[in-house]
PDB file of N, CA and C in Angstrom:
ATOM      1  N   MET A   1     107.403 109.907 114.503  1.00  0.00           N
ATOM      2  CA  MET A   1     106.467 110.908 114.024  1.00  0.00           C
ATOM      3  C   MET A   1     107.210 112.115 113.438  1.00  0.00           C
ATOM      4  N   THR A   2     108.213 112.610 114.138  1.00  0.00           N
ATOM      5  CA  THR A   2     108.964 113.761 113.661  1.00  0.00           C
ATOM      6  C   THR A   2     109.718 113.435 112.386  1.00  0.00           C
ATOM      7  N   ALA A   3     110.341 112.258 112.339  1.00  0.00           N
ATOM      8  CA  ALA A   3     111.092 111.856 111.149  1.00  0.00           C
ATOM      9  C   ALA A   3     110.167 111.745 109.947  1.00  0.00           C
ATOM     10  N   GLU A   4     108.960 111.258 110.161  1.00  0.00           N
ATOM     11  CA  GLU A   4     107.991 111.124 109.066  1.00  0.00           C
ATOM     12  C   GLU A   4     107.578 112.496 108.539  1.00  0.00           C
ATOM     13  N   LYS A   5     107.362 113.460 109.418  1.00  0.00           N
ATOM     14  CA  LYS A   5     106.986 114.810 109.002  1.00  0.00           C
ATOM     15  C   LYS A   5     108.138 115.488 108.256  1.00  0.00           C
ATOM     16  N   VAL A   6     109.354 115.268 108.709  1.00  0.00           N
ATOM     17  CA  VAL A   6     110.524 115.817 108.027  1.00  0.00           C
ATOM     18  C   VAL A   6     110.610 115.248 106.616  1.00  0.00           C
ATOM     19  N   ARG A   7     110.368 113.954 106.485  1.00  0.00           N
ATOM     20  CA  ARG A   7     110.389 113.308 105.166  1.00  0.00           C
ATOM     21  C   ARG A   7     109.297 113.881 104.259  1.00  0.00           C
ATOM     22  N   GLU A   8     108.083 114.055 104.803  1.00  0.00           N
ATOM     23  CA  GLU A   8     106.982 114.651 104.034  1.00  0.00           C
ATOM     24  C   GLU A   8     107.350 116.051 103.553  1.00  0.00           C
ATOM     25  N   ASN A   9     107.926 116.861 104.439  1.00  0.00           N
ATOM     26  CA  ASN A   9     108.309 118.222 104.065  1.00  0.00           C
ATOM     27  C   ASN A   9     109.374 118.220 102.976  1.00  0.00           C
ATOM     28  N   ARG A  10     110.332 117.309 103.066  1.00  0.00           N
ATOM     29  CA  ARG A  10     111.367 117.191 102.039  1.00  0.00           C
ATOM     30  C   ARG A  10     110.741 116.824 100.697  1.00  0.00           C
ATOM     31  N   LEU A  11     109.770 115.906 100.706  1.00  0.00           N
ATOM     32  CA  LEU A  11     109.090 115.511  99.474  1.00  0.00           C
ATOM     33  C   LEU A  11     108.228 116.645  98.920  1.00  0.00           C
ATOM     34  N   ARG A  12     107.623 117.434  99.797  1.00  0.00           N
ATOM     35  CA  ARG A  12     106.853 118.593  99.340  1.00  0.00           C
ATOM     36  C   ARG A  12     107.748 119.602  98.621  1.00  0.00           C
ATOM     37  N   ARG A  13     108.927 119.861  99.178  1.00  0.00           N
ATOM     38  CA  ARG A  13     109.871 120.777  98.529  1.00  0.00           C
ATOM     39  C   ARG A  13     110.360 120.205  97.200  1.00  0.00           C
ATOM     40  N   MET A  14     110.589 118.908  97.176  1.00  0.00           N
ATOM     41  CA  MET A  14     111.023 118.230  95.956  1.00  0.00           C
ATOM     42  C   MET A  14     109.951 118.361  94.866  1.00  0.00           C
ATOM     43  N   ALA A  15     108.695 118.175  95.239  1.00  0.00           N
ATOM     44  CA  ALA A  15     107.584 118.311  94.295  1.00  0.00           C
ATOM     45  C   ALA A  15     107.469 119.750  93.815  1.00  0.00           C
ATOM     46  N   ASP A  16     107.624 120.690  94.715  1.00  0.00           N
ATOM     47  CA  ASP A  16     107.522 122.105  94.362  1.00  0.00           C
ATOM     48  C   ASP A  16     108.574 122.496  93.322  1.00  0.00           C
ATOM     49  N   ARG A  17     109.788 121.985  93.471  1.00  0.00           N
ATOM     50  CA  ARG A  17     110.845 122.278  92.502  1.00  0.00           C
ATOM     51  C   ARG A  17     110.520 121.720  91.115  1.00  0.00           C
ATOM     52  N   GLN A  18     109.667 120.703  91.057  1.00  0.00           N
ATOM     53  CA  GLN A  18     109.288 120.094  89.784  1.00  0.00           C
ATOM     54  C   GLN A  18     107.967 120.659  89.254  1.00  0.00           C
ATOM     55  N   GLY A  19     107.438 121.695  89.923  1.00  0.00           N
ATOM     56  CA  GLY A  19     106.185 122.301  89.489  1.00  0.00           C
ATOM     57  C   GLY A  19     104.966 121.486  89.871  1.00  0.00           C
ATOM     58  N   LEU A  20     105.104 120.669  90.898  1.00  0.00           N
ATOM     59  CA  LEU A  20     104.021 119.796  91.356  1.00  0.00           C
ATOM     60  C   LEU A  20     103.620 120.182  92.772  1.00  0.00           C
ATOM     61  N   ARG A  21     102.495 119.638  93.209  1.00  0.00           N
ATOM     62  CA  ARG A  21     102.033 119.856  94.583  1.00  0.00           C
ATOM     63  C   ARG A  21     101.706 118.497  95.182  1.00  0.00           C
ATOM     64  N   LEU A  22     102.107 118.279  96.402  1.00  0.00           N
ATOM     65  CA  LEU A  22     101.858 117.034  97.113  1.00  0.00           C
ATOM     66  C   LEU A  22     100.712 117.246  98.088  1.00  0.00           C
ATOM     67  N   ASN A  23      99.604 116.528  97.881  1.00  0.00           N
ATOM     68  CA  ASN A  23      98.433 116.646  98.751  1.00  0.00           C
ATOM     69  C   ASN A  23      98.285 115.382  99.584  1.00  0.00           C
ATOM     70  N   LYS A  24      98.065 115.565 100.871  1.00  0.00           N
ATOM     71  CA  LYS A  24      97.830 114.434 101.760  1.00  0.00           C
ATOM     72  C   LYS A  24      96.326 114.253 101.934  1.00  0.00           C
ATOM     73  N   SER A  25      95.898 113.012 102.008  1.00  0.00           N
ATOM     74  CA  SER A  25      94.483 112.718 102.198  1.00  0.00           C
ATOM     75  C   SER A  25      93.977 113.366 103.489  1.00  0.00           C
ATOM     76  N   PRO A  26      92.791 113.983 103.445  1.00  0.00           N
ATOM     77  CA  PRO A  26      92.265 114.640 104.645  1.00  0.00           C
ATOM     78  C   PRO A  26      91.631 113.664 105.641  1.00  0.00           C
ATOM     79  N   ARG A  27      91.617 112.384 105.335  1.00  0.00           N
ATOM     80  CA  ARG A  27      90.983 111.412 106.233  1.00  0.00           C
ATOM     81  C   ARG A  27      91.655 111.408 107.591  1.00  0.00           C
ATOM     82  N   ARG A  28      90.851 111.343 108.632  1.00  0.00           N
ATOM     83  CA  ARG A  28      91.369 111.317 110.001  1.00  0.00           C
ATOM     84  C   ARG A  28      91.120 109.982 110.694  1.00  0.00           C
ATOM     85  N   ASP A  29      90.425 109.080 110.017  1.00  0.00           N
ATOM     86  CA  ASP A  29      90.142 107.759 110.581  1.00  0.00           C
ATOM     87  C   ASP A  29      91.266 106.803 110.166  1.00  0.00           C
ATOM     88  N   PRO A  30      92.076 106.338 111.107  1.00  0.00           N
ATOM     89  CA  PRO A  30      93.195 105.463 110.764  1.00  0.00           C
ATOM     90  C   PRO A  30      92.766 104.155 110.088  1.00  0.00           C
ATOM     91  N   ARG A  31      91.506 103.792 110.207  1.00  0.00           N
ATOM     92  CA  ARG A  31      91.032 102.554 109.568  1.00  0.00           C
ATOM     93  C   ARG A  31      90.564 102.780 108.136  1.00  0.00           C
ATOM     94  N   ALA A  32      90.483 104.033 107.692  1.00  0.00           N
ATOM     95  CA  ALA A  32      90.072 104.344 106.319  1.00  0.00           C
ATOM     96  C   ALA A  32      91.173 103.907 105.358  1.00  0.00           C
ATOM     97  N   LEU A  33      90.774 103.445 104.192  1.00  0.00           N
ATOM     98  CA  LEU A  33      91.741 102.939 103.215  1.00  0.00           C
ATOM     99  C   LEU A  33      92.707 104.005 102.727  1.00  0.00           C
ATOM    100  N   ASP A  34      92.254 105.240 102.641  1.00  0.00           N
ATOM    101  CA  ASP A  34      93.129 106.291 102.124  1.00  0.00           C
ATOM    102  C   ASP A  34      93.756 107.155 103.225  1.00  0.00           C
ATOM    103  N   PHE A  35      93.725 106.699 104.448  1.00  0.00           N
ATOM    104  CA  PHE A  35      94.329 107.442 105.556  1.00  0.00           C
ATOM    105  C   PHE A  35      95.843 107.520 105.368  1.00  0.00           C
ATOM    106  N   GLY A  36      96.389 108.732 105.407  1.00  0.00           N
ATOM    107  CA  GLY A  36      97.828 108.916 105.316  1.00  0.00           C
ATOM    108  C   GLY A  36      98.411 108.742 103.929  1.00  0.00           C
ATOM    109  N   THR A  37      97.564 108.729 102.895  1.00  0.00           N
ATOM    110  CA  THR A  37      98.065 108.573 101.538  1.00  0.00           C
ATOM    111  C   THR A  37      98.166 109.924 100.842  1.00  0.00           C
ATOM    112  N   PHE A  38      98.800 109.932  99.681  1.00  0.00           N
ATOM    113  CA  PHE A  38      99.099 111.178  98.982  1.00  0.00           C
ATOM    114  C   PHE A  38      98.631 111.146  97.537  1.00  0.00           C
ATOM    115  N   THR A  39      98.459 112.355  96.987  1.00  0.00           N
ATOM    116  CA  THR A  39      98.180 112.566  95.576  1.00  0.00           C
ATOM    117  C   THR A  39      99.133 113.636  95.091  1.00  0.00           C
ATOM    118  N   ILE A  40      99.681 113.445  93.892  1.00  0.00           N
ATOM    119  CA  ILE A  40     100.563 114.439  93.291  1.00  0.00           C
ATOM    120  C   ILE A  40      99.790 115.130  92.179  1.00  0.00           C
ATOM    121  N   VAL A  41      99.726 116.459  92.238  1.00  0.00           N
ATOM    122  CA  VAL A  41      98.945 117.218  91.253  1.00  0.00           C
ATOM    123  C   VAL A  41      99.790 118.324  90.627  1.00  0.00           C
ATOM    124  N   ARG A  42      99.384 118.689  89.414  1.00  0.00           N
ATOM    125  CA  ARG A  42      99.955 119.847  88.696  1.00  0.00           C
ATOM    126  C   ARG A  42      98.763 120.695  88.299  1.00  0.00           C
ATOM    127  N   GLY A  43      98.623 121.858  88.926  1.00  0.00           N
ATOM    128  CA  GLY A  43      97.441 122.689  88.691  1.00  0.00           C
ATOM    129  C   GLY A  43      96.214 121.952  89.205  1.00  0.00           C
ATOM    130  N   ASP A  44      95.263 121.666  88.303  1.00  0.00           N
ATOM    131  CA  ASP A  44      94.066 120.902  88.672  1.00  0.00           C
ATOM    132  C   ASP A  44      94.140 119.457  88.216  1.00  0.00           C
ATOM    133  N   GLU A  45      95.239 119.077  87.580  1.00  0.00           N
ATOM    134  CA  GLU A  45      95.387 117.740  87.007  1.00  0.00           C
ATOM    135  C   GLU A  45      96.095 116.806  87.990  1.00  0.00           C
ATOM    136  N   VAL A  46      95.498 115.634  88.225  1.00  0.00           N
ATOM    137  CA  VAL A  46      96.135 114.619  89.063  1.00  0.00           C
ATOM    138  C   VAL A  46      97.204 113.932  88.219  1.00  0.00           C
ATOM    139  N   VAL A  47      98.444 113.995  88.686  1.00  0.00           N
ATOM    140  CA  VAL A  47      99.563 113.396  87.969  1.00  0.00           C
ATOM    141  C   VAL A  47      99.790 111.965  88.442  1.00  0.00           C
ATOM    142  N   ALA A  48      99.661 111.726  89.743  1.00  0.00           N
ATOM    143  CA  ALA A  48      99.853 110.392  90.314  1.00  0.00           C
ATOM    144  C   ALA A  48      98.983 110.262  91.558  1.00  0.00           C
ATOM    145  N   GLY A  49      98.455 109.074  91.757  1.00  0.00           N
ATOM    146  CA  GLY A  49      97.601 108.836  92.911  1.00  0.00           C
ATOM    147  C   GLY A  49      96.155 108.906  92.510  1.00  0.00           C
ATOM    148  N   PRO A  50      95.238 108.982  93.398  1.00  0.00           N
ATOM    149  CA  PRO A  50      95.414 109.035  94.855  1.00  0.00           C
ATOM    150  C   PRO A  50      95.802 107.674  95.423  1.00  0.00           C
ATOM    151  N   GLY A  51      96.173 107.679  96.671  1.00  0.00           N
ATOM    152  CA  GLY A  51      96.484 106.440  97.358  1.00  0.00           C
ATOM    153  C   GLY A  51      97.957 106.078  97.366  1.00  0.00           C
ATOM    154  N   LEU A  52      98.840 107.044  97.131  1.00  0.00           N
ATOM    155  CA  LEU A  52     100.273 106.766  97.134  1.00  0.00           C
ATOM    156  C   LEU A  52     100.818 106.778  98.558  1.00  0.00           C
ATOM    157  N   THR A  53     101.724 105.854  98.833  1.00  0.00           N
ATOM    158  CA  THR A  53     102.429 105.862 100.106  1.00  0.00           C
ATOM    159  C   THR A  53     103.597 106.833 100.006  1.00  0.00           C
ATOM    160  N   VAL A  54     104.229 107.115 101.116  1.00  0.00           N
ATOM    161  CA  VAL A  54     105.380 108.013 101.132  1.00  0.00           C
ATOM    162  C   VAL A  54     106.495 107.431 100.250  1.00  0.00           C
ATOM    163  N   ASP A  55     106.699 106.128 100.306  1.00  0.00           N
ATOM    164  CA  ASP A  55     107.725 105.492  99.486  1.00  0.00           C
ATOM    165  C   ASP A  55     107.419 105.640  98.002  1.00  0.00           C
ATOM    166  N   GLN A  56     106.158 105.484  97.620  1.00  0.00           N
ATOM    167  CA  GLN A  56     105.760 105.632  96.222  1.00  0.00           C
ATOM    168  C   GLN A  56     105.923 107.073  95.750  1.00  0.00           C
ATOM    169  N   VAL A  57     105.615 108.028  96.615  1.00  0.00           N
ATOM    170  CA  VAL A  57     105.796 109.446  96.277  1.00  0.00           C
ATOM    171  C   VAL A  57     107.279 109.718  96.033  1.00  0.00           C
ATOM    172  N   GLU A  58     108.130 109.232  96.914  1.00  0.00           N
ATOM    173  CA  GLU A  58     109.566 109.448  96.762  1.00  0.00           C
ATOM    174  C   GLU A  58     110.070 108.817  95.469  1.00  0.00           C
ATOM    175  N   GLU A  59     109.616 107.629  95.158  1.00  0.00           N
ATOM    176  CA  GLU A  59     109.996 106.946  93.915  1.00  0.00           C
ATOM    177  C   GLU A  59     109.560 107.761  92.697  1.00  0.00           C
ATOM    178  N   PHE A  60     108.328 108.261  92.712  1.00  0.00           N
ATOM    179  CA  PHE A  60     107.810 109.052  91.597  1.00  0.00           C
ATOM    180  C   PHE A  60     108.611 110.334  91.413  1.00  0.00           C
ATOM    181  N   LEU A  61     108.866 111.035  92.504  1.00  0.00           N
ATOM    182  CA  LEU A  61     109.572 112.312  92.413  1.00  0.00           C
ATOM    183  C   LEU A  61     111.035 112.146  92.043  1.00  0.00           C
ATOM    184  N   THR A  62     111.610 111.011  92.384  1.00  0.00           N
ATOM    185  CA  THR A  62     113.023 110.750  92.085  1.00  0.00           C
ATOM    186  C   THR A  62     113.205 110.251  90.653  1.00  0.00           C
ATOM    187  N   ASN A  63     112.358 109.304  90.242  1.00  0.00           N
ATOM    188  CA  ASN A  63     112.556 108.633  88.957  1.00  0.00           C
ATOM    189  C   ASN A  63     111.529 108.998  87.898  1.00  0.00           C
ATOM    190  N   GLY A  64     110.523 109.761  88.260  1.00  0.00           N
ATOM    191  CA  GLY A  64     109.462 110.090  87.307  1.00  0.00           C
ATOM    192  C   GLY A  64     108.460 108.951  87.195  1.00  0.00           C
ATOM    193  N   PRO A  65     107.404 109.154  86.416  1.00  0.00           N
ATOM    194  CA  PRO A  65     106.404 108.103  86.272  1.00  0.00           C
ATOM    195  C   PRO A  65     106.985 106.875  85.583  1.00  0.00           C
ATOM    196  N   GLN A  66     106.499 105.705  85.938  1.00  0.00           N
ATOM    197  CA  GLN A  66     106.959 104.465  85.320  1.00  0.00           C
ATOM    198  C   GLN A  66     106.600 104.471  83.849  1.00  0.00           C
ATOM    199  N   GLY A  67     107.479 103.950  83.036  1.00  0.00           N
ATOM    200  CA  GLY A  67     107.205 103.867  81.606  1.00  0.00           C
ATOM    201  C   GLY A  67     107.787 105.014  80.814  1.00  0.00           C
ATOM    202  N   GLU A  68     108.479 105.930  81.483  1.00  0.00           N
ATOM    203  CA  GLU A  68     109.123 107.033  80.747  1.00  0.00           C
ATOM    204  C   GLU A  68     110.586 106.764  80.603  1.00  0.00           C
TER     205      GLU A  68
END
């Protein structure tokens, strides 16, 4: 649990340096499809997601969107 939160915080800082914001789904039901997933936004515009896993967020922030 602690390692996962540390990873999330590192990704949030990484997104902030790129002018992005990392939002976690507010769902609290572990059986919900979007529980624990993320969306990457710039201002009011959704850049990636919703429904990204932590691994997908890290891939996006490291390598940029696919196709670029």
